[in-house]
Each structure stands twice: as C-alpha cells, then as structure tokens.
Amino acid sequence: MDIFPKTISTKGPAELFTGDVYFDVIAKGEDPSQLRVNIVRFAPCSRTAWHTHAAGQTLHVTDGVCLVQARGGEVKVVQQGQTIYTPPGEWHWHGAAPDHFMSHLAMWETTGVADGSETTWGELVSDEEYGYPE
C-alpha cells in the first residue's frame, strides 16, 4: 500500500482551457494500471477546449453546475451528483455554468499509451458555442 502526499493544484494551460481552471492529479496510472483521475475545478464560464479520449472519459460532478456538449449535439446541463460518460473518440467539452463554480472528477484510461496521446486536444470552445440552455 502506498499513501501519496497531498497534490499541488495546477492551473490549466490557456491553450487547453478558457478561464480559470485548476486540477489536482489523484491517480496517474502507474503500470499495470491505466487509470487516470483528476479533480478539476472551474470558475464560472470556464471550460475545456474540444477534446477526445482514446478509451472514453467519465466525469462525476462533485459540486456546482456543469455544462457539457458533444460535437454536433446540444449543450447539456449536469447537476452535482450526476455522472457523464463520453465514449472513445467522441469530441466534447465541459465546463462551469456562467453563474456557478463547478468541480468534477475526471476519469479515463491511458490505454497503454505512454506518450500521453490518450487525449487529443482541439480548438478552444468559442463564446458562441458555449451557451447556457434556457
């Protein structure tokens, strides 16, 4: 059994996130495990860029109101306690509603790819794409 020291929050880089986003690495998939888990905290209106995961991604909203969208789909509102699954290869983004902070656990697998290519990043989500459904 290993007990790891408390993690240091890292600010999400501007080329991958709009607004103030911070994450803490909870699990980083040391071989043979392929599991990655981060807790991610978003300020209101903050969001990821479009991205996809080779083995899919599960998000569990721990606080606040989350907005999520699959490419070509509608922006959906996800509440605290709800879980989102995006299948492998699905382009999507997620972030905080304009009037709420939001935190979620992000869980995905590396699928054995050591170079980090389990996540493919695309362009930032425009203000027009980011929308709060009425």
N, C-alpha and C. Protein backbone atom coordinates (compact mmCIF):
# COMPACT_ATOMS: atom_id res chain seq x y z
N MET A 1 0.85 -1.18 0.00
CA MET A 1 0.00 0.00 0.00
C MET A 1 0.89 1.23 0.00
N ASP A 2 0.51 2.22 -0.82
CA ASP A 2 1.22 3.49 -0.86
C ASP A 2 0.26 4.60 -0.46
N ILE A 3 0.74 5.53 0.32
CA ILE A 3 -0.01 6.75 0.64
C ILE A 3 0.80 7.90 0.07
N PHE A 4 0.18 8.64 -0.84
CA PHE A 4 0.89 9.70 -1.55
C PHE A 4 0.69 11.03 -0.86
N PRO A 5 1.64 11.94 -0.99
CA PRO A 5 1.47 13.27 -0.39
C PRO A 5 0.35 14.03 -1.08
N LYS A 6 -0.16 15.02 -0.39
CA LYS A 6 -1.20 15.88 -0.95
C LYS A 6 -0.68 16.50 -2.24
N THR A 7 -1.54 16.55 -3.25
CA THR A 7 -1.11 17.11 -4.54
C THR A 7 -1.14 18.63 -4.51
N ILE A 8 -0.45 19.21 -5.43
CA ILE A 8 -0.43 20.66 -5.62
C ILE A 8 -1.34 20.98 -6.81
N SER A 9 -2.23 21.93 -6.65
CA SER A 9 -3.13 22.31 -7.74
C SER A 9 -2.32 22.95 -8.87
N THR A 10 -2.67 22.56 -10.10
CA THR A 10 -2.02 23.08 -11.29
C THR A 10 -3.05 23.86 -12.10
N LYS A 11 -2.67 25.05 -12.55
CA LYS A 11 -3.57 25.85 -13.39
C LYS A 11 -3.57 25.25 -14.79
N GLY A 12 -4.78 25.06 -15.33
CA GLY A 12 -4.91 24.54 -16.68
C GLY A 12 -4.33 25.52 -17.69
N PRO A 13 -3.55 25.05 -18.64
CA PRO A 13 -2.91 25.95 -19.61
C PRO A 13 -3.93 26.60 -20.55
N ALA A 14 -3.65 27.85 -20.91
CA ALA A 14 -4.58 28.66 -21.73
C ALA A 14 -4.85 28.05 -23.11
N GLU A 15 -3.95 27.24 -23.62
CA GLU A 15 -4.21 26.63 -24.93
C GLU A 15 -5.19 25.45 -24.84
N LEU A 16 -5.50 24.99 -23.62
CA LEU A 16 -6.43 23.87 -23.43
C LEU A 16 -7.70 24.25 -22.68
N PHE A 17 -7.69 25.42 -22.02
CA PHE A 17 -8.82 25.84 -21.18
C PHE A 17 -9.11 27.32 -21.37
N THR A 18 -10.38 27.66 -21.34
CA THR A 18 -10.81 29.06 -21.32
C THR A 18 -11.18 29.40 -19.89
N GLY A 19 -10.64 30.49 -19.35
CA GLY A 19 -10.95 30.89 -17.98
C GLY A 19 -10.05 30.21 -16.96
N ASP A 20 -10.45 30.34 -15.70
CA ASP A 20 -9.64 29.80 -14.60
C ASP A 20 -10.07 28.37 -14.27
N VAL A 21 -9.17 27.44 -14.57
CA VAL A 21 -9.39 26.02 -14.33
C VAL A 21 -8.15 25.48 -13.61
N TYR A 22 -8.37 24.74 -12.55
CA TYR A 22 -7.28 24.13 -11.78
C TYR A 22 -7.56 22.65 -11.62
N PHE A 23 -6.50 21.84 -11.64
CA PHE A 23 -6.69 20.41 -11.44
C PHE A 23 -5.65 19.85 -10.49
N ASP A 24 -6.04 18.78 -9.82
CA ASP A 24 -5.16 18.01 -8.95
C ASP A 24 -5.17 16.58 -9.47
N VAL A 25 -3.99 15.99 -9.63
CA VAL A 25 -3.89 14.61 -10.08
C VAL A 25 -4.14 13.72 -8.87
N ILE A 26 -5.15 12.85 -8.97
CA ILE A 26 -5.48 11.92 -7.89
C ILE A 26 -4.82 10.56 -8.16
N ALA A 27 -4.91 10.08 -9.40
CA ALA A 27 -4.28 8.81 -9.80
C ALA A 27 -3.71 8.99 -11.19
N LYS A 28 -2.48 8.52 -11.40
CA LYS A 28 -1.86 8.72 -12.70
C LYS A 28 -1.47 7.44 -13.41
N GLY A 29 -2.08 6.34 -13.05
CA GLY A 29 -1.95 5.11 -13.82
C GLY A 29 -0.56 4.53 -13.91
N GLU A 30 0.05 4.24 -12.77
CA GLU A 30 1.34 3.56 -12.79
C GLU A 30 1.13 2.13 -13.24
N ASP A 31 1.97 1.65 -14.15
CA ASP A 31 1.86 0.32 -14.72
C ASP A 31 1.70 -0.73 -13.63
N PRO A 32 0.77 -1.67 -13.70
CA PRO A 32 -0.03 -2.03 -14.85
C PRO A 32 -1.36 -1.25 -14.96
N SER A 33 -1.65 -0.40 -13.99
CA SER A 33 -2.91 0.36 -14.04
C SER A 33 -2.88 1.34 -15.20
N GLN A 34 -4.04 1.53 -15.83
CA GLN A 34 -4.18 2.50 -16.89
C GLN A 34 -5.12 3.63 -16.49
N LEU A 35 -5.52 3.66 -15.22
CA LEU A 35 -6.49 4.63 -14.74
C LEU A 35 -5.85 5.98 -14.47
N ARG A 36 -6.52 7.04 -14.93
CA ARG A 36 -6.17 8.42 -14.61
C ARG A 36 -7.37 9.05 -13.94
N VAL A 37 -7.14 9.78 -12.85
CA VAL A 37 -8.21 10.50 -12.16
C VAL A 37 -7.68 11.87 -11.75
N ASN A 38 -8.40 12.90 -12.13
CA ASN A 38 -8.10 14.27 -11.69
C ASN A 38 -9.35 14.87 -11.07
N ILE A 39 -9.17 15.72 -10.07
CA ILE A 39 -10.26 16.58 -9.65
C ILE A 39 -10.01 17.91 -10.33
N VAL A 40 -11.03 18.43 -10.99
CA VAL A 40 -10.87 19.65 -11.79
C VAL A 40 -11.87 20.68 -11.28
N ARG A 41 -11.39 21.90 -11.05
CA ARG A 41 -12.22 22.98 -10.53
C ARG A 41 -12.30 24.11 -11.55
N PHE A 42 -13.52 24.52 -11.87
CA PHE A 42 -13.77 25.53 -12.89
C PHE A 42 -14.44 26.75 -12.27
N ALA A 43 -13.94 27.94 -12.59
CA ALA A 43 -14.64 29.18 -12.25
C ALA A 43 -15.81 29.35 -13.21
N PRO A 44 -16.81 30.16 -12.86
CA PRO A 44 -17.94 30.38 -13.78
C PRO A 44 -17.45 30.72 -15.19
N CYS A 45 -18.10 30.13 -16.18
CA CYS A 45 -17.82 30.30 -17.62
C CYS A 45 -16.54 29.59 -18.09
N SER A 46 -15.76 29.03 -17.20
CA SER A 46 -14.53 28.34 -17.61
C SER A 46 -14.89 27.00 -18.24
N ARG A 47 -14.02 26.55 -19.16
CA ARG A 47 -14.32 25.32 -19.88
C ARG A 47 -13.07 24.76 -20.54
N THR A 48 -13.16 23.49 -20.89
CA THR A 48 -12.08 22.85 -21.64
C THR A 48 -12.16 23.26 -23.10
N ALA A 49 -11.11 22.97 -23.83
CA ALA A 49 -11.16 23.01 -25.29
C ALA A 49 -11.87 21.74 -25.75
N TRP A 50 -12.22 21.69 -27.02
CA TRP A 50 -12.73 20.45 -27.60
C TRP A 50 -11.65 19.40 -27.44
N HIS A 51 -12.03 18.20 -27.07
CA HIS A 51 -11.06 17.12 -26.94
C HIS A 51 -11.76 15.77 -27.03
N THR A 52 -10.95 14.73 -27.17
CA THR A 52 -11.45 13.36 -27.24
C THR A 52 -10.48 12.46 -26.49
N HIS A 53 -10.98 11.32 -26.03
CA HIS A 53 -10.16 10.35 -25.30
C HIS A 53 -10.21 9.01 -26.03
N ALA A 54 -9.05 8.39 -26.19
CA ALA A 54 -8.96 7.13 -26.93
C ALA A 54 -9.81 6.03 -26.30
N ALA A 55 -9.94 6.02 -24.96
CA ALA A 55 -10.71 4.98 -24.28
C ALA A 55 -11.96 5.56 -23.60
N GLY A 56 -12.39 6.75 -23.99
CA GLY A 56 -13.56 7.38 -23.37
C GLY A 56 -13.19 8.10 -22.09
N GLN A 57 -14.19 8.75 -21.48
CA GLN A 57 -13.97 9.50 -20.25
C GLN A 57 -15.25 9.50 -19.44
N THR A 58 -15.10 9.38 -18.12
CA THR A 58 -16.21 9.50 -17.19
C THR A 58 -15.96 10.72 -16.32
N LEU A 59 -16.99 11.55 -16.17
CA LEU A 59 -16.94 12.73 -15.30
C LEU A 59 -18.00 12.58 -14.23
N HIS A 60 -17.65 12.86 -12.99
CA HIS A 60 -18.63 12.86 -11.91
C HIS A 60 -18.61 14.26 -11.29
N VAL A 61 -19.74 14.97 -11.39
CA VAL A 61 -19.83 16.34 -10.90
C VAL A 61 -19.96 16.30 -9.38
N THR A 62 -18.98 16.88 -8.69
CA THR A 62 -18.96 16.87 -7.23
C THR A 62 -19.51 18.14 -6.62
N ASP A 63 -19.57 19.22 -7.41
CA ASP A 63 -20.06 20.49 -6.89
C ASP A 63 -20.44 21.40 -8.05
N GLY A 64 -21.51 22.16 -7.88
CA GLY A 64 -21.88 23.17 -8.86
C GLY A 64 -22.70 22.64 -10.02
N VAL A 65 -22.65 23.39 -11.12
CA VAL A 65 -23.42 23.08 -12.33
C VAL A 65 -22.46 22.98 -13.50
N CYS A 66 -22.51 21.85 -14.19
CA CYS A 66 -21.62 21.57 -15.31
C CYS A 66 -22.38 21.73 -16.62
N LEU A 67 -21.71 22.26 -17.63
CA LEU A 67 -22.21 22.24 -19.00
C LEU A 67 -21.32 21.30 -19.78
N VAL A 68 -21.93 20.50 -20.65
CA VAL A 68 -21.18 19.54 -21.46
C VAL A 68 -21.83 19.47 -22.84
N GLN A 69 -20.99 19.26 -23.85
CA GLN A 69 -21.51 19.17 -25.21
C GLN A 69 -20.66 18.21 -26.01
N ALA A 70 -21.32 17.33 -26.76
CA ALA A 70 -20.65 16.50 -27.76
C ALA A 70 -20.73 17.25 -29.09
N ARG A 71 -19.71 17.13 -29.90
CA ARG A 71 -19.67 17.82 -31.19
C ARG A 71 -20.95 17.50 -31.97
N GLY A 72 -21.65 18.55 -32.41
CA GLY A 72 -22.88 18.39 -33.16
C GLY A 72 -24.13 18.25 -32.32
N GLY A 73 -23.96 18.15 -31.00
CA GLY A 73 -25.10 17.99 -30.10
C GLY A 73 -25.44 19.27 -29.37
N GLU A 74 -26.44 19.20 -28.52
CA GLU A 74 -26.86 20.35 -27.71
C GLU A 74 -26.00 20.45 -26.46
N VAL A 75 -25.87 21.67 -25.93
CA VAL A 75 -25.24 21.87 -24.63
C VAL A 75 -26.20 21.33 -23.58
N LYS A 76 -25.67 20.48 -22.70
CA LYS A 76 -26.49 19.86 -21.66
C LYS A 76 -26.05 20.35 -20.29
N VAL A 77 -27.02 20.47 -19.38
CA VAL A 77 -26.77 20.89 -18.00
C VAL A 77 -26.69 19.64 -17.13
N VAL A 78 -25.62 19.53 -16.35
CA VAL A 78 -25.42 18.38 -15.47
C VAL A 78 -25.25 18.91 -14.05
N GLN A 79 -26.01 18.34 -13.13
CA GLN A 79 -26.04 18.81 -11.74
C GLN A 79 -25.08 18.01 -10.85
N GLN A 80 -24.77 18.59 -9.70
CA GLN A 80 -23.97 17.92 -8.69
C GLN A 80 -24.54 16.52 -8.42
N GLY A 81 -23.66 15.53 -8.37
CA GLY A 81 -24.06 14.15 -8.11
C GLY A 81 -24.32 13.34 -9.36
N GLN A 82 -24.41 13.99 -10.53
CA GLN A 82 -24.64 13.26 -11.77
C GLN A 82 -23.30 12.88 -12.42
N THR A 83 -23.35 11.85 -13.25
CA THR A 83 -22.17 11.32 -13.92
C THR A 83 -22.39 11.34 -15.43
N ILE A 84 -21.34 11.69 -16.16
CA ILE A 84 -21.35 11.79 -17.62
C ILE A 84 -20.34 10.79 -18.16
N TYR A 85 -20.71 10.09 -19.22
CA TYR A 85 -19.76 9.22 -19.92
C TYR A 85 -19.68 9.66 -21.37
N THR A 86 -18.47 9.90 -21.85
CA THR A 86 -18.26 10.17 -23.28
C THR A 86 -17.50 8.98 -23.86
N PRO A 87 -18.01 8.37 -24.91
CA PRO A 87 -17.38 7.17 -25.47
C PRO A 87 -16.05 7.48 -26.17
N PRO A 88 -15.26 6.45 -26.44
CA PRO A 88 -13.98 6.65 -27.13
C PRO A 88 -14.16 7.41 -28.44
N GLY A 89 -13.27 8.38 -28.64
CA GLY A 89 -13.25 9.13 -29.89
C GLY A 89 -14.30 10.23 -30.03
N GLU A 90 -15.17 10.42 -29.04
CA GLU A 90 -16.20 11.46 -29.16
C GLU A 90 -15.63 12.83 -28.77
N TRP A 91 -15.70 13.78 -29.71
CA TRP A 91 -15.26 15.14 -29.43
C TRP A 91 -16.26 15.80 -28.50
N HIS A 92 -15.76 16.44 -27.44
CA HIS A 92 -16.64 17.05 -26.45
C HIS A 92 -15.88 18.14 -25.69
N TRP A 93 -16.63 18.91 -24.93
CA TRP A 93 -16.05 19.87 -23.99
C TRP A 93 -16.94 19.86 -22.75
N HIS A 94 -16.39 20.38 -21.64
CA HIS A 94 -17.16 20.50 -20.41
C HIS A 94 -16.62 21.67 -19.61
N GLY A 95 -17.49 22.27 -18.82
CA GLY A 95 -17.07 23.41 -18.01
C GLY A 95 -18.18 23.86 -17.08
N ALA A 96 -17.97 25.01 -16.46
CA ALA A 96 -18.90 25.54 -15.48
C ALA A 96 -19.96 26.42 -16.14
N ALA A 97 -21.15 26.41 -15.56
CA ALA A 97 -22.21 27.32 -15.98
C ALA A 97 -21.77 28.76 -15.68
N PRO A 98 -22.39 29.76 -16.31
CA PRO A 98 -21.95 31.14 -16.12
C PRO A 98 -22.18 31.69 -14.72
N ASP A 99 -23.07 31.06 -13.96
CA ASP A 99 -23.40 31.59 -12.64
C ASP A 99 -23.04 30.64 -11.50
N HIS A 100 -22.15 29.68 -11.77
CA HIS A 100 -21.75 28.69 -10.75
C HIS A 100 -20.29 28.29 -10.94
N PHE A 101 -19.62 28.07 -9.83
CA PHE A 101 -18.37 27.33 -9.88
C PHE A 101 -18.74 25.87 -10.10
N MET A 102 -17.79 25.04 -10.53
CA MET A 102 -18.08 23.62 -10.74
C MET A 102 -16.81 22.82 -10.53
N SER A 103 -16.96 21.66 -9.89
CA SER A 103 -15.86 20.70 -9.74
C SER A 103 -16.33 19.35 -10.21
N HIS A 104 -15.43 18.61 -10.84
CA HIS A 104 -15.76 17.23 -11.19
C HIS A 104 -14.53 16.35 -11.08
N LEU A 105 -14.78 15.07 -10.89
CA LEU A 105 -13.74 14.06 -11.02
C LEU A 105 -13.71 13.65 -12.47
N ALA A 106 -12.56 13.70 -13.09
CA ALA A 106 -12.38 13.25 -14.47
C ALA A 106 -11.62 11.93 -14.43
N MET A 107 -12.19 10.91 -15.05
CA MET A 107 -11.60 9.56 -15.02
C MET A 107 -11.49 9.03 -16.44
N TRP A 108 -10.31 8.56 -16.80
CA TRP A 108 -10.08 7.98 -18.11
C TRP A 108 -8.92 7.01 -18.02
N GLU A 109 -8.72 6.23 -19.08
CA GLU A 109 -7.63 5.27 -19.12
C GLU A 109 -6.62 5.68 -20.19
N THR A 110 -5.37 5.31 -19.94
CA THR A 110 -4.31 5.66 -20.88
C THR A 110 -4.23 4.69 -22.05
N THR A 111 -4.92 3.57 -21.95
CA THR A 111 -4.88 2.51 -22.97
C THR A 111 -3.45 2.09 -23.31
N GLY A 112 -2.55 2.18 -22.34
CA GLY A 112 -1.19 1.73 -22.54
C GLY A 112 -0.32 2.65 -23.36
N VAL A 113 -0.78 3.88 -23.63
CA VAL A 113 0.00 4.82 -24.43
C VAL A 113 0.82 5.71 -23.50
N ALA A 114 2.12 5.52 -23.49
CA ALA A 114 2.98 6.23 -22.54
C ALA A 114 3.21 7.70 -22.90
N ASP A 115 2.97 8.09 -24.15
CA ASP A 115 3.29 9.46 -24.57
C ASP A 115 2.17 10.46 -24.29
N GLY A 116 1.10 10.04 -23.62
CA GLY A 116 0.03 10.97 -23.28
C GLY A 116 -1.00 11.16 -24.36
N SER A 117 -0.89 10.43 -25.47
CA SER A 117 -1.81 10.65 -26.59
C SER A 117 -3.18 10.02 -26.36
N GLU A 118 -3.46 9.59 -25.12
CA GLU A 118 -4.80 9.09 -24.84
C GLU A 118 -5.83 10.20 -24.93
N THR A 119 -5.38 11.46 -24.87
CA THR A 119 -6.26 12.61 -25.05
C THR A 119 -5.77 13.40 -26.26
N THR A 120 -6.70 13.70 -27.18
CA THR A 120 -6.38 14.54 -28.33
C THR A 120 -7.11 15.86 -28.14
N TRP A 121 -6.36 16.95 -28.19
CA TRP A 121 -6.93 18.28 -27.96
C TRP A 121 -7.16 19.01 -29.27
N GLY A 122 -8.27 19.74 -29.32
CA GLY A 122 -8.62 20.54 -30.48
C GLY A 122 -8.67 22.01 -30.11
N GLU A 123 -9.49 22.76 -30.83
CA GLU A 123 -9.57 24.20 -30.66
C GLU A 123 -10.36 24.56 -29.39
N LEU A 124 -10.12 25.79 -28.92
CA LEU A 124 -10.90 26.30 -27.78
C LEU A 124 -12.36 26.44 -28.17
N VAL A 125 -13.24 26.29 -27.20
CA VAL A 125 -14.68 26.45 -27.42
C VAL A 125 -14.97 27.95 -27.50
N SER A 126 -15.59 28.38 -28.58
CA SER A 126 -15.89 29.80 -28.77
C SER A 126 -17.01 30.24 -27.83
N ASP A 127 -17.12 31.54 -27.64
CA ASP A 127 -18.22 32.07 -26.83
C ASP A 127 -19.57 31.72 -27.46
N GLU A 128 -19.61 31.63 -28.79
CA GLU A 128 -20.86 31.27 -29.47
C GLU A 128 -21.23 29.81 -29.20
N GLU A 129 -20.23 28.93 -29.16
CA GLU A 129 -20.50 27.51 -28.88
C GLU A 129 -20.90 27.30 -27.43
N TYR A 130 -20.23 28.04 -26.52
CA TYR A 130 -20.54 27.94 -25.10
C TYR A 130 -21.88 28.63 -24.89
N GLY A 131 -22.82 27.91 -24.39
CA GLY A 131 -24.13 28.50 -24.17
C GLY A 131 -24.81 27.84 -22.99
N TYR A 132 -25.63 28.60 -22.32
CA TYR A 132 -26.35 28.09 -21.17
C TYR A 132 -27.79 27.86 -21.59
N PRO A 133 -28.18 26.60 -21.75
CA PRO A 133 -29.56 26.33 -22.22
C PRO A 133 -30.59 26.92 -21.28
N GLU A 134 -31.63 27.47 -21.84
CA GLU A 134 -32.71 28.05 -21.03
C GLU A 134 -33.64 26.98 -20.53
